[in-house]
Amino acid sequence: MRPPHLVLVAIAVGLPGCLYEQPVAPGAAEAVDARLLGAWKCVNPESEKAETLTISERPDRRYRTEFDEGDGAPAVFLAYTVTFASERIVNAQEVVDGESRKWTLARYSLPAPNILRLEAADHDAFEKATTAEQREKVLAAGLKSGQLFGDFCVCIRAAKK
């Protein structure tokens, strides 16, 4: 599997790997954050070139995110946000050839109106969690410690054509 590049946003978006059969963070999909919609140019520490992230709204309070490296088919994710322990968390599901795959976990922030920061969850923290309840406990502990998420990429809003 190609390393996912979300979302989110995604929020999609991520992320180092898609690991779960179900969403990790519990809760219903929240309203779409309109500030995320559109095209972004993104860089991450492991890539030598910028990628284009396009985030669009779906009718079911979800996002469709596409990470395009410019050299093939984009990585596609369907994602939605939930609030868990006062944190906005993104559940993102990879889509390959129109088929839904496994889920991953991310979060985002907008430190300025045209700057998007995406963080990916440390999936090693969930290694021994085999049930939804166990994953929820790991998520709560990881958020409390501040050690669960790490930088994935930083994006700047792309100029409109």
C-alpha atoms as a PDB file:
ATOM      1  CA  MET A   1       0.000   0.000   0.000  1.00  0.00           C
ATOM      2  CA  ARG A   2       1.287   3.439  -0.910  1.00  0.00           C
ATOM      3  CA  PRO A   3       1.941   5.483   2.236  1.00  0.00           C
ATOM      4  CA  PRO A   4      -1.203   7.549   2.739  1.00  0.00           C
ATOM      5  CA  HIS A   5      -0.964  11.300   2.499  1.00  0.00           C
ATOM      6  CA  LEU A   6      -3.850  13.002   4.016  1.00  0.00           C
ATOM      7  CA  VAL A   7      -6.448  14.448   5.720  1.00  0.00           C
ATOM      8  CA  LEU A   8      -7.232  15.581   6.994  1.00  0.00           C
ATOM      9  CA  VAL A   9      -8.163  16.335   6.625  1.00  0.00           C
ATOM     10  CA  ALA A  10      -8.798  14.336   6.319  1.00  0.00           C
ATOM     11  CA  ILE A  11      -8.156  15.370   6.639  1.00  0.00           C
ATOM     12  CA  ALA A  12      -7.352  13.188   5.040  1.00  0.00           C
ATOM     13  CA  VAL A  13      -5.664  12.658   5.180  1.00  0.00           C
ATOM     14  CA  GLY A  14      -2.144   9.877   6.783  1.00  0.00           C
ATOM     15  CA  LEU A  15      -0.533   9.247   7.122  1.00  0.00           C
ATOM     16  CA  PRO A  16       2.044   6.733   7.732  1.00  0.00           C
ATOM     17  CA  GLY A  17      -0.349   3.840   7.465  1.00  0.00           C
ATOM     18  CA  CYS A  18      -3.959   2.790   7.426  1.00  0.00           C
ATOM     19  CA  LEU A  19      -4.461   0.269  10.171  1.00  0.00           C
ATOM     20  CA  TYR A  20      -8.020  -0.169  11.325  1.00  0.00           C
ATOM     21  CA  GLU A  21     -11.196  -1.723   9.994  1.00  0.00           C
ATOM     22  CA  GLN A  22     -13.307   0.981  11.699  1.00  0.00           C
ATOM     23  CA  PRO A  23     -12.835   4.649  12.571  1.00  0.00           C
ATOM     24  CA  VAL A  24     -10.545   5.077  15.595  1.00  0.00           C
ATOM     25  CA  ALA A  25     -12.049   8.154  17.273  1.00  0.00           C
ATOM     26  CA  PRO A  26     -15.649   7.575  18.372  1.00  0.00           C
ATOM     27  CA  GLY A  27     -18.437   9.997  17.543  1.00  0.00           C
ATOM     28  CA  ALA A  28     -20.679  11.245  14.779  1.00  0.00           C
ATOM     29  CA  ALA A  29     -19.354  13.331  11.910  1.00  0.00           C
ATOM     30  CA  GLU A  30     -19.319  17.040  12.729  1.00  0.00           C
ATOM     31  CA  ALA A  31     -20.059  19.887  10.355  1.00  0.00           C
ATOM     32  CA  VAL A  32     -17.467  20.447   7.657  1.00  0.00           C
ATOM     33  CA  ASP A  33     -14.916  23.170   8.441  1.00  0.00           C
ATOM     34  CA  ALA A  34     -15.223  25.364   5.331  1.00  0.00           C
ATOM     35  CA  ARG A  35     -11.767  26.866   5.996  1.00  0.00           C
ATOM     36  CA  LEU A  36     -10.226  23.574   4.852  1.00  0.00           C
ATOM     37  CA  LEU A  37     -11.901  23.422   1.454  1.00  0.00           C
ATOM     38  CA  GLY A  38      -9.872  24.101  -1.672  1.00  0.00           C
ATOM     39  CA  ALA A  39      -6.381  23.443  -2.968  1.00  0.00           C
ATOM     40  CA  TRP A  40      -3.230  23.500  -0.835  1.00  0.00           C
ATOM     41  CA  LYS A  41       0.489  23.106  -1.601  1.00  0.00           C
ATOM     42  CA  CYS A  42       2.086  20.873   1.031  1.00  0.00           C
ATOM     43  CA  VAL A  43       5.559  19.808   2.115  1.00  0.00           C
ATOM     44  CA  ASN A  44       6.633  17.172   4.574  1.00  0.00           C
ATOM     45  CA  PRO A  45      10.029  16.250   5.992  1.00  0.00           C
ATOM     46  CA  GLU A  46      10.211  12.994   4.031  1.00  0.00           C
ATOM     47  CA  SER A  47       9.513  14.334   0.544  1.00  0.00           C
ATOM     48  CA  GLU A  48      11.687  16.337  -1.777  1.00  0.00           C
ATOM     49  CA  LYS A  49       8.834  18.048  -3.601  1.00  0.00           C
ATOM     50  CA  ALA A  50       5.597  19.806  -2.798  1.00  0.00           C
ATOM     51  CA  GLU A  51       2.331  17.962  -3.220  1.00  0.00           C
ATOM     52  CA  THR A  52      -1.104  19.307  -3.983  1.00  0.00           C
ATOM     53  CA  LEU A  53      -3.821  18.554  -1.451  1.00  0.00           C
ATOM     54  CA  THR A  54      -7.369  19.161  -2.653  1.00  0.00           C
ATOM     55  CA  ILE A  55     -10.139  19.070  -0.068  1.00  0.00           C
ATOM     56  CA  SER A  56     -13.788  19.070  -1.085  1.00  0.00           C
ATOM     57  CA  GLU A  57     -17.029  18.708   0.813  1.00  0.00           C
ATOM     58  CA  ARG A  58     -19.290  15.703   0.513  1.00  0.00           C
ATOM     59  CA  PRO A  59     -23.002  15.868   1.338  1.00  0.00           C
ATOM     60  CA  ASP A  60     -22.668  13.584   4.404  1.00  0.00           C
ATOM     61  CA  ARG A  61     -20.548  15.914   6.617  1.00  0.00           C
ATOM     62  CA  ARG A  62     -17.447  14.345   5.194  1.00  0.00           C
ATOM     63  CA  TYR A  63     -14.462  15.482   3.203  1.00  0.00           C
ATOM     64  CA  ARG A  64     -12.918  14.027   0.091  1.00  0.00           C
ATOM     65  CA  THR A  65      -9.182  14.632   0.100  1.00  0.00           C
ATOM     66  CA  GLU A  66      -6.704  13.992  -2.678  1.00  0.00           C
ATOM     67  CA  PHE A  67      -2.939  14.158  -2.298  1.00  0.00           C
ATOM     68  CA  ASP A  68      -1.313  14.496  -5.710  1.00  0.00           C
ATOM     69  CA  GLU A  69       2.443  14.158  -6.089  1.00  0.00           C
ATOM     70  CA  GLY A  70       2.098  14.856  -9.801  1.00  0.00           C
ATOM     71  CA  ASP A  71       3.484  11.492 -10.876  1.00  0.00           C
ATOM     72  CA  GLY A  72       0.466   9.206 -10.940  1.00  0.00           C
ATOM     73  CA  ALA A  73      -2.922   8.696  -9.420  1.00  0.00           C
ATOM     74  CA  PRO A  74      -3.555  10.806  -6.312  1.00  0.00           C
ATOM     75  CA  ALA A  75      -3.974   9.227  -2.872  1.00  0.00           C
ATOM     76  CA  VAL A  76      -7.665   9.572  -2.011  1.00  0.00           C
ATOM     77  CA  PHE A  77      -9.256   9.625   1.434  1.00  0.00           C
ATOM     78  CA  LEU A  78     -12.749  10.139   2.765  1.00  0.00           C
ATOM     79  CA  ALA A  79     -12.577  11.776   6.172  1.00  0.00           C
ATOM     80  CA  TYR A  80     -14.644  13.343   8.903  1.00  0.00           C
ATOM     81  CA  THR A  81     -13.987  15.107  12.178  1.00  0.00           C
ATOM     82  CA  VAL A  82     -15.198  14.330  15.681  1.00  0.00           C
ATOM     83  CA  THR A  83     -14.528  15.974  19.014  1.00  0.00           C
ATOM     84  CA  PHE A  84     -12.956  13.598  21.515  1.00  0.00           C
ATOM     85  CA  ALA A  85     -11.639  14.782  24.904  1.00  0.00           C
ATOM     86  CA  SER A  86     -12.048  18.395  23.716  1.00  0.00           C
ATOM     87  CA  GLU A  87      -9.810  17.758  20.683  1.00  0.00           C
ATOM     88  CA  ARG A  88     -10.872  17.835  17.054  1.00  0.00           C
ATOM     89  CA  ILE A  89      -9.779  14.495  15.567  1.00  0.00           C
ATOM     90  CA  VAL A  90      -9.950  13.297  11.965  1.00  0.00           C
ATOM     91  CA  ASN A  91     -10.953   9.757  11.035  1.00  0.00           C
ATOM     92  CA  ALA A  92      -9.677   9.172   7.484  1.00  0.00           C
ATOM     93  CA  GLN A  93     -10.348   6.161   5.266  1.00  0.00           C
ATOM     94  CA  GLU A  94      -8.192   5.421   2.261  1.00  0.00           C
ATOM     95  CA  VAL A  95      -9.974   4.795  -1.045  1.00  0.00           C
ATOM     96  CA  VAL A  96      -8.163   2.778  -3.723  1.00  0.00           C
ATOM     97  CA  ASP A  97      -9.745   2.304  -7.156  1.00  0.00           C
ATOM     98  CA  GLY A  98     -13.107   3.352  -5.711  1.00  0.00           C
ATOM     99  CA  GLU A  99     -12.915   0.756  -2.937  1.00  0.00           C
ATOM    100  CA  SER A 100     -12.869   1.788   0.726  1.00  0.00           C
ATOM    101  CA  ARG A 101      -9.887   0.503   2.670  1.00  0.00           C
ATOM    102  CA  LYS A 102      -8.671   0.837   6.258  1.00  0.00           C
ATOM    103  CA  TRP A 103      -8.825   3.851   8.557  1.00  0.00           C
ATOM    104  CA  THR A 104      -6.176   6.085  10.060  1.00  0.00           C
ATOM    105  CA  LEU A 105      -6.180   8.988  12.506  1.00  0.00           C
ATOM    106  CA  ALA A 106      -5.026  12.594  12.162  1.00  0.00           C
ATOM    107  CA  ARG A 107      -5.655  16.114  13.375  1.00  0.00           C
ATOM    108  CA  TYR A 108      -5.226  19.559  11.901  1.00  0.00           C
ATOM    109  CA  SER A 109      -4.784  23.156  12.883  1.00  0.00           C
ATOM    110  CA  LEU A 110      -4.909  26.438  11.026  1.00  0.00           C
ATOM    111  CA  PRO A 111      -2.303  28.689  12.690  1.00  0.00           C
ATOM    112  CA  ALA A 112      -3.136  31.370  10.089  1.00  0.00           C
ATOM    113  CA  PRO A 113      -6.002  31.579   7.555  1.00  0.00           C
ATOM    114  CA  ASN A 114      -3.874  30.274   4.674  1.00  0.00           C
ATOM    115  CA  ILE A 115      -1.662  27.825   6.605  1.00  0.00           C
ATOM    116  CA  LEU A 116      -2.752  24.241   7.328  1.00  0.00           C
ATOM    117  CA  ARG A 117      -0.789  21.965   9.649  1.00  0.00           C
ATOM    118  CA  LEU A 118      -1.543  18.237   9.513  1.00  0.00           C
ATOM    119  CA  GLU A 119      -0.444  15.780  12.181  1.00  0.00           C
ATOM    120  CA  ALA A 120      -0.550  11.993  12.017  1.00  0.00           C
ATOM    121  CA  ALA A 121      -1.128   9.669  14.936  1.00  0.00           C
ATOM    122  CA  ASP A 122       1.684   7.460  16.166  1.00  0.00           C
ATOM    123  CA  HIS A 123       0.202   4.108  15.237  1.00  0.00           C
ATOM    124  CA  ASP A 124       2.699   2.242  17.411  1.00  0.00           C
ATOM    125  CA  ALA A 125       0.741   3.508  20.415  1.00  0.00           C
ATOM    126  CA  PHE A 126      -2.237   1.447  19.215  1.00  0.00           C
ATOM    127  CA  GLU A 127      -0.221  -1.691  18.459  1.00  0.00           C
ATOM    128  CA  LYS A 128      -1.672  -3.810  21.272  1.00  0.00           C
ATOM    129  CA  ALA A 129      -5.170  -2.302  21.160  1.00  0.00           C
ATOM    130  CA  THR A 130      -7.345  -4.875  19.438  1.00  0.00           C
ATOM    131  CA  THR A 131     -10.832  -3.578  20.312  1.00  0.00           C
ATOM    132  CA  ALA A 132     -12.564  -0.246  19.821  1.00  0.00           C
ATOM    133  CA  GLU A 133     -12.654   0.219  23.601  1.00  0.00           C
ATOM    134  CA  GLN A 134      -8.912  -0.358  23.903  1.00  0.00           C
ATOM    135  CA  ARG A 135      -8.193   2.063  21.046  1.00  0.00           C
ATOM    136  CA  GLU A 136     -10.399   4.663  22.732  1.00  0.00           C
ATOM    137  CA  LYS A 137      -8.388   4.309  25.965  1.00  0.00           C
ATOM    138  CA  VAL A 138      -5.107   4.654  24.058  1.00  0.00           C
ATOM    139  CA  LEU A 139      -6.481   7.709  22.253  1.00  0.00           C
ATOM    140  CA  ALA A 140      -7.540   9.352  25.538  1.00  0.00           C
ATOM    141  CA  ALA A 141      -4.177   8.636  27.195  1.00  0.00           C
ATOM    142  CA  GLY A 142      -2.239   9.813  24.126  1.00  0.00           C
ATOM    143  CA  LEU A 143      -4.155  13.078  23.930  1.00  0.00           C
ATOM    144  CA  LYS A 144      -3.679  13.675  27.658  1.00  0.00           C
ATOM    145  CA  SER A 145       0.084  13.093  27.386  1.00  0.00           C
ATOM    146  CA  GLY A 146       0.442  15.237  24.259  1.00  0.00           C
ATOM    147  CA  GLN A 147       2.583  12.525  22.662  1.00  0.00           C
ATOM    148  CA  LEU A 148       0.131  10.859  20.275  1.00  0.00           C
ATOM    149  CA  PHE A 149       0.410  13.089  17.217  1.00  0.00           C
ATOM    150  CA  GLY A 150       3.467  14.182  15.250  1.00  0.00           C
ATOM    151  CA  ASP A 151       4.031  16.500  12.318  1.00  0.00           C
ATOM    152  CA  PHE A 152       2.998  15.139   8.946  1.00  0.00           C
ATOM    153  CA  CYS A 153       2.998  18.185   6.679  1.00  0.00           C
ATOM    154  CA  VAL A 154       2.478  21.916   6.446  1.00  0.00           C
ATOM    155  CA  CYS A 155       0.447  23.448   3.638  1.00  0.00           C
ATOM    156  CA  ILE A 156      -0.159  26.892   2.198  1.00  0.00           C
ATOM    157  CA  ARG A 157      -3.369  27.702   0.336  1.00  0.00           C
ATOM    158  CA  ALA A 158      -2.768  27.443  -3.402  1.00  0.00           C
ATOM    159  CA  ALA A 159      -3.396  30.472  -5.573  1.00  0.00           C
ATOM    160  CA  LYS A 160      -6.705  30.378  -7.400  1.00  0.00           C
ATOM    161  CA  LYS A 161      -6.340  29.848 -11.124  1.00  0.00           C
END
